[in-house]
């Protein structure tokens, strides 16, 4: 039986063909498929990684980007510990749709802990990932634009990635795992202080 210290749910959202599935497959299986098929509904992946002395298990949910699957995928946003918003840096449309994805996630949030743009005690981590860095010659969304959007909208991290050549793929998920681990430890310490006062 596998041993681990923490389990976290990570959800990837974004338009179809931005490379969400490719990012997850590269991270979990170290594979890249040129002819990747569009996700139908939701795919689920597991990956355990070591952060310092802690073993972290990530439950990674890869959601479909097509509008016709929105009613299916929305329910999977609930109880997420991290949301990774992905766009294709060669596609202005996929970047312009990120605010819609933010609104979509927040509309399903009945709990304050799922408000990804609200600073709170919760340990939700929100990351903005610009994928397909290997196609930099076809770039349509400048890095400064993505980084500026990330800062204005309160994302914890902005990163440019390539599932094809692995650029920053491990960094993306390791960052998420580390931030979630750190948030969880902070919360546990605060609870310990509260109980000690009693």
Protein backbone atom coordinates (compact mmCIF):
# COMPACT_ATOMS: atom_id res chain seq x y z
CA UNK A 1 0.00 0.00 0.00
CA UNK A 2 1.40 3.36 -1.03
CA UNK A 3 2.28 5.74 1.76
CA UNK A 4 1.91 9.50 1.45
CA UNK A 5 1.55 12.57 3.65
CA UNK A 6 -1.00 14.62 1.72
CA UNK A 7 -3.55 14.12 -1.07
CA UNK A 8 -4.64 17.05 -3.21
CA UNK A 9 -7.09 17.48 -6.06
CA UNK A 10 -5.81 19.51 -9.02
CA UNK A 11 -8.09 20.51 -11.91
CA UNK A 12 -6.93 21.75 -15.32
CA UNK A 13 -9.29 24.01 -17.29
CA UNK A 14 -9.05 25.87 -20.57
CA UNK A 15 -10.19 25.79 -24.18
CA UNK A 16 -9.97 22.64 -26.26
CA UNK A 17 -6.60 21.96 -27.97
CA UNK A 18 -4.56 24.15 -25.58
CA UNK A 19 -2.68 21.05 -24.44
CA UNK A 20 -4.12 20.20 -21.02
CA UNK A 21 -4.05 16.46 -21.65
CA UNK A 22 -0.55 16.65 -23.10
CA UNK A 23 0.71 18.47 -20.00
CA UNK A 24 -0.80 15.87 -17.69
CA UNK A 25 0.46 12.92 -19.73
CA UNK A 26 3.95 14.38 -19.90
CA UNK A 27 4.00 14.88 -16.11
CA UNK A 28 2.45 11.57 -15.10
CA UNK A 29 3.80 9.23 -17.81
CA UNK A 30 6.53 11.18 -19.58
CA UNK A 31 4.85 10.68 -22.95
CA UNK A 32 3.70 13.06 -25.66
CA UNK A 33 1.23 12.16 -28.39
CA UNK A 34 1.28 14.16 -31.62
CA UNK A 35 -2.24 12.96 -32.44
CA UNK A 36 -3.78 13.65 -29.04
CA UNK A 37 -7.56 13.25 -29.12
CA UNK A 38 -9.80 15.83 -27.46
CA UNK A 39 -10.88 14.92 -23.94
CA UNK A 40 -14.50 13.81 -23.68
CA UNK A 41 -15.88 14.93 -20.33
CA UNK A 42 -13.11 14.37 -17.78
CA UNK A 43 -9.97 12.25 -17.51
CA UNK A 44 -8.35 11.37 -14.19
CA UNK A 45 -4.65 10.88 -13.45
CA UNK A 46 -2.59 10.06 -10.35
CA UNK A 47 0.96 11.07 -9.55
CA UNK A 48 2.93 10.83 -6.32
CA UNK A 49 5.94 13.08 -5.90
CA UNK A 50 8.33 13.99 -3.13
CA UNK A 51 8.45 17.55 -1.82
CA UNK A 52 11.31 17.84 0.65
CA UNK A 53 10.55 15.02 3.08
CA UNK A 54 6.83 14.77 2.25
CA UNK A 55 5.18 12.43 -0.23
CA UNK A 56 2.38 14.23 -2.04
CA UNK A 57 -0.27 12.42 -4.06
CA UNK A 58 -1.92 14.54 -6.73
CA UNK A 59 -5.31 13.61 -8.14
CA UNK A 60 -5.21 15.46 -11.46
CA UNK A 61 -8.47 16.07 -13.31
CA UNK A 62 -8.16 16.94 -17.00
CA UNK A 63 -11.41 18.58 -18.13
CA UNK A 64 -12.80 18.91 -21.65
CA UNK A 65 -12.54 22.36 -23.18
CA UNK A 66 -15.51 22.05 -25.49
CA UNK A 67 -18.64 24.02 -24.62
CA UNK A 68 -20.91 20.97 -24.99
CA UNK A 69 -19.16 19.28 -22.06
CA UNK A 70 -19.33 22.24 -19.67
CA UNK A 71 -22.32 20.87 -17.76
CA UNK A 72 -20.37 17.66 -17.13
CA UNK A 73 -17.04 19.19 -16.20
CA UNK A 74 -18.34 21.91 -13.88
CA UNK A 75 -19.17 19.45 -11.14
CA UNK A 76 -15.52 18.39 -11.00
CA UNK A 77 -14.39 21.86 -9.92
CA UNK A 78 -15.86 21.29 -6.48
CA UNK A 79 -13.48 20.44 -3.67
CA UNK A 80 -10.46 21.22 -5.83
CA UNK A 81 -7.34 22.32 -3.99
CA UNK A 82 -5.74 23.83 -7.08
CA UNK A 83 -6.96 25.08 -10.45
CA UNK A 84 -4.55 25.33 -13.38
CA UNK A 85 -5.88 27.61 -16.12
CA UNK A 86 -4.23 26.75 -19.43
CA UNK A 87 -4.10 28.68 -22.69
CA UNK A 88 -2.19 28.25 -25.95
CA UNK A 89 0.30 31.08 -26.47
CA UNK A 90 -0.23 30.78 -30.24
CA UNK A 91 -3.99 31.28 -29.83
CA UNK A 92 -5.26 34.71 -28.72
CA UNK A 93 -8.77 33.28 -28.48
CA UNK A 94 -7.74 30.71 -25.87
CA UNK A 95 -6.15 33.49 -23.80
CA UNK A 96 -9.18 35.77 -24.17
CA UNK A 97 -11.36 32.95 -22.84
CA UNK A 98 -9.46 32.65 -19.54
CA UNK A 99 -11.79 35.18 -17.80
CA UNK A 100 -14.71 32.97 -18.87
CA UNK A 101 -13.04 29.96 -17.31
CA UNK A 102 -12.41 31.90 -14.12
CA UNK A 103 -16.07 32.91 -13.99
CA UNK A 104 -17.09 29.33 -14.74
CA UNK A 105 -15.08 27.98 -11.82
CA UNK A 106 -16.30 30.68 -9.46
CA UNK A 107 -19.95 30.22 -10.47
CA UNK A 108 -19.79 26.66 -9.14
CA UNK A 109 -18.23 27.77 -5.90
CA UNK A 110 -20.70 27.60 -3.06
CA UNK A 111 -17.86 27.59 -0.57
CA UNK A 112 -15.58 30.57 -0.01
CA UNK A 113 -12.60 28.22 -0.18
CA UNK A 114 -13.22 27.68 -3.89
CA UNK A 115 -13.12 31.39 -4.82
CA UNK A 116 -9.82 31.26 -6.64
CA UNK A 117 -9.44 35.04 -6.82
CA UNK A 118 -10.31 35.75 -3.20
CA UNK A 119 -7.43 35.94 -0.73
CA UNK A 120 -8.49 33.94 2.29
CA UNK A 121 -7.44 31.34 4.83
CA UNK A 122 -8.15 28.62 2.26
CA UNK A 123 -5.39 26.73 0.50
CA UNK A 124 -6.70 26.98 -3.04
CA UNK A 125 -3.82 27.53 -5.45
CA UNK A 126 -4.50 29.12 -8.84
CA UNK A 127 -1.91 28.96 -11.62
CA UNK A 128 -1.95 30.40 -15.13
CA UNK A 129 -0.06 28.30 -17.68
CA UNK A 130 0.75 29.41 -21.23
CA UNK A 131 1.38 26.20 -23.15
CA UNK A 132 3.11 25.36 -26.48
CA UNK A 133 6.29 27.29 -25.79
CA UNK A 134 7.93 25.03 -28.39
CA UNK A 135 5.97 27.05 -30.98
CA UNK A 136 7.50 30.34 -29.86
CA UNK A 137 7.94 31.45 -33.49
CA UNK A 138 4.15 31.37 -33.79
CA UNK A 139 3.57 33.18 -30.50
CA UNK A 140 0.50 35.45 -30.49
CA UNK A 141 0.26 36.19 -26.76
CA UNK A 142 3.38 37.97 -25.42
CA UNK A 143 4.82 36.77 -22.12
CA UNK A 144 4.37 40.23 -20.59
CA UNK A 145 0.64 40.12 -21.42
CA UNK A 146 0.18 36.74 -19.78
CA UNK A 147 2.26 37.72 -16.76
CA UNK A 148 0.39 41.02 -16.40
CA UNK A 149 -2.98 39.27 -16.58
CA UNK A 150 -1.81 36.79 -13.97
CA UNK A 151 -0.73 39.55 -11.57
CA UNK A 152 -3.89 41.62 -12.01
CA UNK A 153 -6.16 38.62 -11.46
CA UNK A 154 -4.40 37.26 -8.40
CA UNK A 155 -2.88 34.06 -9.73
CA UNK A 156 -0.17 32.66 -7.49
CA UNK A 157 2.01 31.70 -10.41
CA UNK A 158 2.40 32.32 -14.14
CA UNK A 159 4.45 29.87 -16.18
CA UNK A 160 5.06 29.16 -19.84
CA UNK A 161 5.26 25.45 -20.67
CA UNK A 162 5.82 22.98 -23.46
CA UNK A 163 4.42 19.48 -23.19
CA UNK A 164 6.36 18.57 -26.33
CA UNK A 165 9.84 19.29 -24.99
CA UNK A 166 8.94 19.18 -21.25
CA UNK A 167 9.82 22.82 -20.56
CA UNK A 168 8.51 23.77 -17.09
CA UNK A 169 6.06 20.85 -16.97
CA UNK A 170 7.53 19.36 -13.81
CA UNK A 171 8.00 22.85 -12.37
CA UNK A 172 4.28 23.57 -12.86
CA UNK A 173 3.01 20.56 -10.94
CA UNK A 174 5.80 20.59 -8.37
CA UNK A 175 5.02 24.24 -7.65
CA UNK A 176 1.37 23.35 -7.11
CA UNK A 177 2.26 20.44 -4.83
CA UNK A 178 4.69 22.53 -2.78
CA UNK A 179 2.28 25.45 -2.36
CA UNK A 180 -0.55 23.13 -1.33
CA UNK A 181 1.71 21.34 1.14
CA UNK A 182 2.84 24.65 2.62
CA UNK A 183 -0.73 25.98 2.85
CA UNK A 184 -1.86 22.79 4.57
CA UNK A 185 0.96 22.95 7.11
CA UNK A 186 0.12 26.59 7.86
CA UNK A 187 -3.50 25.69 8.47
CA UNK A 188 -2.55 22.76 10.69
CA UNK A 189 -0.25 24.99 12.76
CA UNK A 190 -3.04 27.54 13.22
CA UNK A 191 -5.45 24.85 14.33
CA UNK A 192 -2.84 23.56 16.77
CA UNK A 193 -2.50 27.05 18.25
CA UNK A 194 -6.27 27.40 18.59
CA UNK A 195 -6.59 24.06 20.36
CA UNK A 196 -3.66 24.83 22.65
CA UNK A 197 -5.41 28.04 23.74
CA UNK A 198 -8.45 26.02 24.75
